[in-house]
PDB file of all heavy atoms in Angstrom:
ATOM      1  N   ALA A   1     106.669 -49.672 -19.461  1.00  0.00           N
ATOM      2  CA  ALA A   1     107.873 -50.060 -20.202  1.00  0.00           C
ATOM      3  C   ALA A   1     108.435 -48.919 -21.050  1.00  0.00           C
ATOM      4  O   ALA A   1     109.647 -48.746 -21.138  1.00  0.00           O
ATOM      5  CB  ALA A   1     107.590 -51.277 -21.076  1.00  0.00           C
ATOM      6  N   GLN A   2     107.558 -48.139 -21.683  1.00  0.00           N
ATOM      7  CA  GLN A   2     108.015 -47.095 -22.605  1.00  0.00           C
ATOM      8  C   GLN A   2     108.098 -45.713 -21.978  1.00  0.00           C
ATOM      9  O   GLN A   2     108.492 -44.758 -22.666  1.00  0.00           O
ATOM     10  CB  GLN A   2     107.090 -47.055 -23.834  1.00  0.00           C
ATOM     11  CG  GLN A   2     107.111 -48.309 -24.684  1.00  0.00           C
ATOM     12  CD  GLN A   2     108.476 -48.590 -25.282  1.00  0.00           C
ATOM     13  OE1 GLN A   2     109.253 -47.685 -25.589  1.00  0.00           O
ATOM     14  NE2 GLN A   2     108.786 -49.875 -25.449  1.00  0.00           N
ATOM     15  N   THR A   3     107.734 -45.579 -20.716  1.00  0.00           N
ATOM     16  CA  THR A   3     107.666 -44.236 -20.136  1.00  0.00           C
ATOM     17  C   THR A   3     108.499 -44.043 -18.873  1.00  0.00           C
ATOM     18  O   THR A   3     108.883 -42.913 -18.564  1.00  0.00           O
ATOM     19  CB  THR A   3     106.208 -43.872 -19.806  1.00  0.00           C
ATOM     20  OG1 THR A   3     105.638 -44.896 -18.963  1.00  0.00           O
ATOM     21  CG2 THR A   3     105.382 -43.732 -21.077  1.00  0.00           C
ATOM     22  N   ALA A   4     108.769 -45.108 -18.128  1.00  0.00           N
ATOM     23  CA  ALA A   4     109.505 -44.955 -16.873  1.00  0.00           C
ATOM     24  C   ALA A   4     110.887 -44.372 -17.135  1.00  0.00           C
ATOM     25  O   ALA A   4     111.680 -44.941 -17.876  1.00  0.00           O
ATOM     26  CB  ALA A   4     109.631 -46.302 -16.168  1.00  0.00           C
ATOM     27  N   GLY A   5     111.166 -43.217 -16.556  1.00  0.00           N
ATOM     28  CA  GLY A   5     112.447 -42.562 -16.749  1.00  0.00           C
ATOM     29  C   GLY A   5     112.415 -41.412 -17.720  1.00  0.00           C
ATOM     30  O   GLY A   5     113.355 -40.616 -17.773  1.00  0.00           O
ATOM     31  N   THR A   6     111.328 -41.295 -18.481  1.00  0.00           N
ATOM     32  CA  THR A   6     111.220 -40.184 -19.435  1.00  0.00           C
ATOM     33  C   THR A   6     109.956 -39.361 -19.227  1.00  0.00           C
ATOM     34  O   THR A   6     109.914 -38.190 -19.593  1.00  0.00           O
ATOM     35  CB  THR A   6     111.283 -40.706 -20.887  1.00  0.00           C
ATOM     36  OG1 THR A   6     111.387 -39.602 -21.784  1.00  0.00           O
ATOM     37  CG2 THR A   6     110.071 -41.529 -21.255  1.00  0.00           C
ATOM     38  N   VAL A   7     108.927 -39.957 -18.627  1.00  0.00           N
ATOM     39  CA  VAL A   7     107.667 -39.263 -18.346  1.00  0.00           C
ATOM     40  C   VAL A   7     107.395 -39.354 -16.844  1.00  0.00           C
ATOM     41  O   VAL A   7     107.452 -40.450 -16.280  1.00  0.00           O
ATOM     42  CB  VAL A   7     106.496 -39.902 -19.128  1.00  0.00           C
ATOM     43  CG1 VAL A   7     105.174 -39.229 -18.776  1.00  0.00           C
ATOM     44  CG2 VAL A   7     106.750 -39.811 -20.626  1.00  0.00           C
ATOM     45  N   PRO A   8     107.107 -38.251 -16.158  1.00  0.00           N
ATOM     46  CA  PRO A   8     106.792 -38.326 -14.730  1.00  0.00           C
ATOM     47  C   PRO A   8     105.568 -39.207 -14.473  1.00  0.00           C
ATOM     48  O   PRO A   8     104.561 -39.109 -15.176  1.00  0.00           O
ATOM     49  CB  PRO A   8     106.508 -36.866 -14.355  1.00  0.00           C
ATOM     50  CG  PRO A   8     107.196 -36.052 -15.401  1.00  0.00           C
ATOM     51  CD  PRO A   8     107.107 -36.869 -16.657  1.00  0.00           C
ATOM     52  N   ILE A   9     105.663 -40.082 -13.475  1.00  0.00           N
ATOM     53  CA  ILE A   9     104.568 -40.982 -13.106  1.00  0.00           C
ATOM     54  C   ILE A   9     104.395 -40.908 -11.600  1.00  0.00           C
ATOM     55  O   ILE A   9     105.353 -41.109 -10.852  1.00  0.00           O
ATOM     56  CB  ILE A   9     104.861 -42.432 -13.534  1.00  0.00           C
ATOM     57  CG1 ILE A   9     105.104 -42.514 -15.046  1.00  0.00           C
ATOM     58  CG2 ILE A   9     103.709 -43.354 -13.127  1.00  0.00           C
ATOM     59  CD1 ILE A   9     105.670 -43.843 -15.506  1.00  0.00           C
ATOM     60  N   ASP A  10     103.187 -40.612 -11.171  1.00  0.00           N
ATOM     61  CA  ASP A  10     102.882 -40.439  -9.747  1.00  0.00           C
ATOM     62  C   ASP A  10     101.899 -41.526  -9.325  1.00  0.00           C
ATOM     63  O   ASP A  10     100.708 -41.458  -9.630  1.00  0.00           O
ATOM     64  CB  ASP A  10     102.289 -39.052  -9.516  1.00  0.00           C
ATOM     65  CG  ASP A  10     102.165 -38.690  -8.042  1.00  0.00           C
ATOM     66  OD1 ASP A  10     101.860 -39.591  -7.234  1.00  0.00           O
ATOM     67  OD2 ASP A  10     102.348 -37.505  -7.707  1.00  0.00           O
ATOM     68  N   MET A  11     102.402 -42.537  -8.635  1.00  0.00           N
ATOM     69  CA  MET A  11     101.548 -43.649  -8.219  1.00  0.00           C
ATOM     70  C   MET A  11     100.404 -43.198  -7.327  1.00  0.00           C
ATOM     71  O   MET A  11      99.290 -43.715  -7.428  1.00  0.00           O
ATOM     72  CB  MET A  11     102.374 -44.714  -7.493  1.00  0.00           C
ATOM     73  CG  MET A  11     103.113 -45.663  -8.400  1.00  0.00           C
ATOM     74  SD  MET A  11     103.748 -47.121  -7.525  1.00  0.00           S
ATOM     75  CE  MET A  11     102.233 -48.012  -7.123  1.00  0.00           C
ATOM     76  N   GLU A  12     100.680 -42.257  -6.461  1.00  0.00           N
ATOM     77  CA  GLU A  12      99.649 -41.801  -5.522  1.00  0.00           C
ATOM     78  C   GLU A  12      98.556 -41.043  -6.259  1.00  0.00           C
ATOM     79  O   GLU A  12      97.360 -41.285  -6.049  1.00  0.00           O
ATOM     80  CB  GLU A  12     100.276 -40.918  -4.437  1.00  0.00           C
ATOM     81  CG  GLU A  12     101.397 -41.575  -3.664  1.00  0.00           C
ATOM     82  CD  GLU A  12     100.930 -42.695  -2.744  1.00  0.00           C
ATOM     83  OE1 GLU A  12      99.707 -42.878  -2.580  1.00  0.00           O
ATOM     84  OE2 GLU A  12     101.800 -43.388  -2.182  1.00  0.00           O
ATOM     85  N   ALA A  13      98.947 -40.120  -7.135  1.00  0.00           N
ATOM     86  CA  ALA A  13      97.962 -39.322  -7.868  1.00  0.00           C
ATOM     87  C   ALA A  13      97.113 -40.184  -8.785  1.00  0.00           C
ATOM     88  O   ALA A  13      95.925 -39.903  -8.995  1.00  0.00           O
ATOM     89  CB  ALA A  13      98.664 -38.228  -8.671  1.00  0.00           C
ATOM     90  N   LEU A  14      97.710 -41.260  -9.326  1.00  0.00           N
ATOM     91  CA  LEU A  14      96.979 -42.139 -10.236  1.00  0.00           C
ATOM     92  C   LEU A  14      96.250 -43.266  -9.503  1.00  0.00           C
ATOM     93  O   LEU A  14      95.542 -44.045 -10.137  1.00  0.00           O
ATOM     94  CB  LEU A  14      97.939 -42.749 -11.259  1.00  0.00           C
ATOM     95  CG  LEU A  14      98.548 -41.785 -12.276  1.00  0.00           C
ATOM     96  CD1 LEU A  14      99.584 -42.501 -13.138  1.00  0.00           C
ATOM     97  CD2 LEU A  14      97.461 -41.163 -13.159  1.00  0.00           C
ATOM     98  N   HIS A  15      96.432 -43.328  -8.193  1.00  0.00           N
ATOM     99  CA  HIS A  15      95.794 -44.379  -7.383  1.00  0.00           C
ATOM    100  C   HIS A  15      96.113 -45.761  -7.957  1.00  0.00           C
ATOM    101  O   HIS A  15      95.242 -46.642  -8.045  1.00  0.00           O
ATOM    102  CB  HIS A  15      94.271 -44.173  -7.322  1.00  0.00           C
ATOM    103  CG  HIS A  15      93.868 -42.859  -6.738  1.00  0.00           C
ATOM    104  ND1 HIS A  15      93.895 -42.605  -5.389  1.00  0.00           N
ATOM    105  CD2 HIS A  15      93.456 -41.710  -7.333  1.00  0.00           C
ATOM    106  CE1 HIS A  15      93.503 -41.364  -5.164  1.00  0.00           C
ATOM    107  NE2 HIS A  15      93.241 -40.796  -6.324  1.00  0.00           N
ATOM    108  N   LEU A  16      97.379 -45.953  -8.325  1.00  0.00           N
ATOM    109  CA  LEU A  16      97.791 -47.244  -8.884  1.00  0.00           C
ATOM    110  C   LEU A  16      97.901 -48.282  -7.779  1.00  0.00           C
ATOM    111  O   LEU A  16      98.435 -48.018  -6.705  1.00  0.00           O
ATOM    112  CB  LEU A  16      99.129 -47.113  -9.598  1.00  0.00           C
ATOM    113  CG  LEU A  16      99.157 -46.286 -10.886  1.00  0.00           C
ATOM    114  CD1 LEU A  16     100.590 -46.169 -11.395  1.00  0.00           C
ATOM    115  CD2 LEU A  16      98.263 -46.899 -11.946  1.00  0.00           C
ATOM    116  N   ASP A  17      97.419 -49.471  -8.075  1.00  0.00           N
ATOM    117  CA  ASP A  17      97.596 -50.594  -7.153  1.00  0.00           C
ATOM    118  C   ASP A  17      98.926 -51.281  -7.381  1.00  0.00           C
ATOM    119  O   ASP A  17      99.504 -51.847  -6.453  1.00  0.00           O
ATOM    120  CB  ASP A  17      96.431 -51.572  -7.312  1.00  0.00           C
ATOM    121  CG  ASP A  17      95.112 -50.925  -6.936  1.00  0.00           C
ATOM    122  OD1 ASP A  17      94.854 -50.766  -5.736  1.00  0.00           O
ATOM    123  OD2 ASP A  17      94.353 -50.548  -7.850  1.00  0.00           O
ATOM    124  N   ALA A  18      99.391 -51.243  -8.618  1.00  0.00           N
ATOM    125  CA  ALA A  18     100.725 -51.762  -8.944  1.00  0.00           C
ATOM    126  C   ALA A  18     101.227 -51.066 -10.197  1.00  0.00           C
ATOM    127  O   ALA A  18     100.449 -50.686 -11.072  1.00  0.00           O
ATOM    128  CB  ALA A  18     100.698 -53.273  -9.141  1.00  0.00           C
ATOM    129  N   LEU A  19     102.538 -50.909 -10.255  1.00  0.00           N
ATOM    130  CA  LEU A  19     103.212 -50.318 -11.407  1.00  0.00           C
ATOM    131  C   LEU A  19     104.345 -51.259 -11.791  1.00  0.00           C
ATOM    132  O   LEU A  19     105.203 -51.564 -10.964  1.00  0.00           O
ATOM    133  CB  LEU A  19     103.740 -48.932 -11.051  1.00  0.00           C
ATOM    134  CG  LEU A  19     104.527 -48.159 -12.105  1.00  0.00           C
ATOM    135  CD1 LEU A  19     104.411 -46.654 -11.860  1.00  0.00           C
ATOM    136  CD2 LEU A  19     106.015 -48.549 -12.139  1.00  0.00           C
ATOM    137  N   ALA A  20     104.340 -51.722 -13.031  1.00  0.00           N
ATOM    138  CA  ALA A  20     105.393 -52.603 -13.532  1.00  0.00           C
ATOM    139  C   ALA A  20     106.392 -51.776 -14.337  1.00  0.00           C
ATOM    140  O   ALA A  20     106.005 -50.894 -15.117  1.00  0.00           O
ATOM    141  CB  ALA A  20     104.798 -53.711 -14.392  1.00  0.00           C
ATOM    142  N   PHE A  21     107.697 -52.053 -14.138  1.00  0.00           N
ATOM    143  CA  PHE A  21     108.728 -51.278 -14.824  1.00  0.00           C
ATOM    144  C   PHE A  21     109.822 -52.200 -15.355  1.00  0.00           C
ATOM    145  O   PHE A  21     109.982 -53.327 -14.903  1.00  0.00           O
ATOM    146  CB  PHE A  21     109.345 -50.232 -13.882  1.00  0.00           C
ATOM    147  CG  PHE A  21     110.219 -50.826 -12.806  1.00  0.00           C
ATOM    148  CD1 PHE A  21     111.583 -51.003 -13.006  1.00  0.00           C
ATOM    149  CD2 PHE A  21     109.680 -51.215 -11.582  1.00  0.00           C
ATOM    150  CE1 PHE A  21     112.392 -51.558 -12.023  1.00  0.00           C
ATOM    151  CE2 PHE A  21     110.476 -51.773 -10.587  1.00  0.00           C
ATOM    152  CZ  PHE A  21     111.839 -51.942 -10.811  1.00  0.00           C
ATOM    153  N   THR A  22     110.560 -51.688 -16.312  1.00  0.00           N
ATOM    154  CA  THR A  22     111.767 -52.350 -16.778  1.00  0.00           C
ATOM    155  C   THR A  22     112.939 -51.420 -16.566  1.00  0.00           C
ATOM    156  O   THR A  22     112.796 -50.191 -16.651  1.00  0.00           O
ATOM    157  CB  THR A  22     111.669 -52.750 -18.256  1.00  0.00           C
ATOM    158  OG1 THR A  22     112.821 -53.519 -18.609  1.00  0.00           O
ATOM    159  CG2 THR A  22     111.567 -51.541 -19.173  1.00  0.00           C
ATOM    160  N   GLY A  23     114.104 -51.982 -16.299  1.00  0.00           N
ATOM    161  CA  GLY A  23     115.260 -51.152 -15.997  1.00  0.00           C
ATOM    162  C   GLY A  23     116.096 -50.767 -17.193  1.00  0.00           C
ATOM    163  O   GLY A  23     116.923 -49.862 -17.106  1.00  0.00           O
ATOM    164  N   HIS A  24     115.895 -51.414 -18.344  1.00  0.00           N
ATOM    165  CA  HIS A  24     116.860 -51.274 -19.438  1.00  0.00           C
ATOM    166  C   HIS A  24     116.431 -50.334 -20.549  1.00  0.00           C
ATOM    167  O   HIS A  24     117.186 -50.124 -21.499  1.00  0.00           O
ATOM    168  CB  HIS A  24     117.181 -52.654 -20.032  1.00  0.00           C
ATOM    169  CG  HIS A  24     116.062 -53.246 -20.842  1.00  0.00           C
ATOM    170  ND1 HIS A  24     116.015 -53.161 -22.212  1.00  0.00           N
ATOM    171  CD2 HIS A  24     114.960 -53.937 -20.472  1.00  0.00           C
ATOM    172  CE1 HIS A  24     114.930 -53.776 -22.655  1.00  0.00           C
ATOM    173  NE2 HIS A  24     114.274 -54.255 -21.616  1.00  0.00           N
ATOM    174  N   LYS A  25     115.242 -49.761 -20.454  1.00  0.00           N
ATOM    175  CA  LYS A  25     114.805 -48.834 -21.512  1.00  0.00           C
ATOM    176  C   LYS A  25     115.100 -47.402 -21.074  1.00  0.00           C
ATOM    177  O   LYS A  25     116.263 -47.032 -20.948  1.00  0.00           O
ATOM    178  CB  LYS A  25     113.347 -49.096 -21.866  1.00  0.00           C
ATOM    179  CG  LYS A  25     113.163 -50.496 -22.461  1.00  0.00           C
ATOM    180  CD  LYS A  25     111.815 -50.734 -23.072  1.00  0.00           C
ATOM    181  CE  LYS A  25     111.730 -52.155 -23.619  1.00  0.00           C
ATOM    182  NZ  LYS A  25     110.473 -52.446 -24.320  1.00  0.00           N
ATOM    183  N   SER A  26     114.101 -46.582 -20.820  1.00  0.00           N
ATOM    184  CA  SER A  26     114.377 -45.175 -20.512  1.00  0.00           C
ATOM    185  C   SER A  26     115.068 -44.963 -19.173  1.00  0.00           C
ATOM    186  O   SER A  26     115.605 -43.880 -18.928  1.00  0.00           O
ATOM    187  CB  SER A  26     113.083 -44.361 -20.571  1.00  0.00           C
ATOM    188  OG  SER A  26     112.576 -44.332 -21.882  1.00  0.00           O
TER     189      SER A  26
END
């Protein structure tokens, strides 16, 4: 919620099973 759009996030590198995001913040 506080990082999507301002901090790079790599789902593959983090081996995330799911990533939740919001569209209205960053």
